[in-house]
Amino acid sequence: MIQFGMPTLIENRTPEDNIRLCNELGLRFIELNMNFPEYQTDRLEDTDRLMNMADRAGIYYTIHLDENLNIADFNQLVSEAYLETVRRTIDAAKKLIILRDRYGDSRQPLILNMHMNHGIYITLSDRKVQMYDRDFDTYMKSFEVYRNKCEEWIGESDIRIVVENTDGFRDYEKKAIEYLLESPVFGLTWDIGHSKAVGEKDVPYILENREHLMHFHIHDGSENPPRNHLALGDGEIDLVDRLKLAESLNARCVLETKTIEALKKSVAWLRSIGFIV
């Protein structure tokens, strides 16, 4: 059976609130979101507290790295701060992985989810120029450093950093992702709602690299109007098809709605079709 989890919800102000809801809904894990002040690096490093709370509930954690993460920033002070954030997060994940062994599926690596930062663009009279496209060699050198450091930091630990689709991968990002995927410590997340809201433009690329898929963000969505993070059953996605793919890959699924009400509705929908018992 698929391991289903929940995201960090803005309505819940504490880890205890999220854990209580996770337990109530019979979900297996929580994806701790580092965009929230209560899940910043120093909070994640309080692993004893996180482990004690999870042990009482019988759950484990995955981690969503800060969406602003920009390891290719041209300002080296900024890029080094983000690299240090990743290093310290990996160290925390190494301690938290014991929870996955107790309450999850040890065949599935512990996940750190990341977005690709598009960087800035310059608007000309006839087009927009992405700076990472213009200075692609500099951009790729940053990813060479990032890949090497992540391999060193993760070592033999069963941890993977997985790249999530958002509003359409740029061509320069695809080249960087392909470079990362040459390493065994990187993989892919398919956010099925994001891809639906942008006309499924990332789907061919994702399916071409399906052997690297190990994490799914599951929520419903529509193309016209573009919407995502809907409760399951409230949009246009062929959810059963996506879930069957996740199951065939033994990939985890985060029910990435944004409200408690939508999360509860999604769990009920999954139970109605037999994906959660």
Foldseek 3Di string as FASTA:
>chain_A
DFQEAAEDAPVDPAPLSRLVLCLVLVHAEYAYECLDPCRALVNLQVLVVVVVSCVVSLHAYAYEYHQQQALLPPPNVNNVVSLVRVLSNLVSVLVRCVSCVRRHDVVAFREYEYEYDQADWDDDPVDIGRVCVVVVVSSLVSLVVSLVVVCVSCPPHRYAYAYEDAQDDDPSRLVSVVVSVVDPRYAYEYEPLRCQQNPVNCVVVCVVRVLRYAEYEDWAFHHVNGDTLAAPPPHDDPRVVVVVSNVVNSHHYYPYHHDSVSVSSNSVVCVVVPNDD
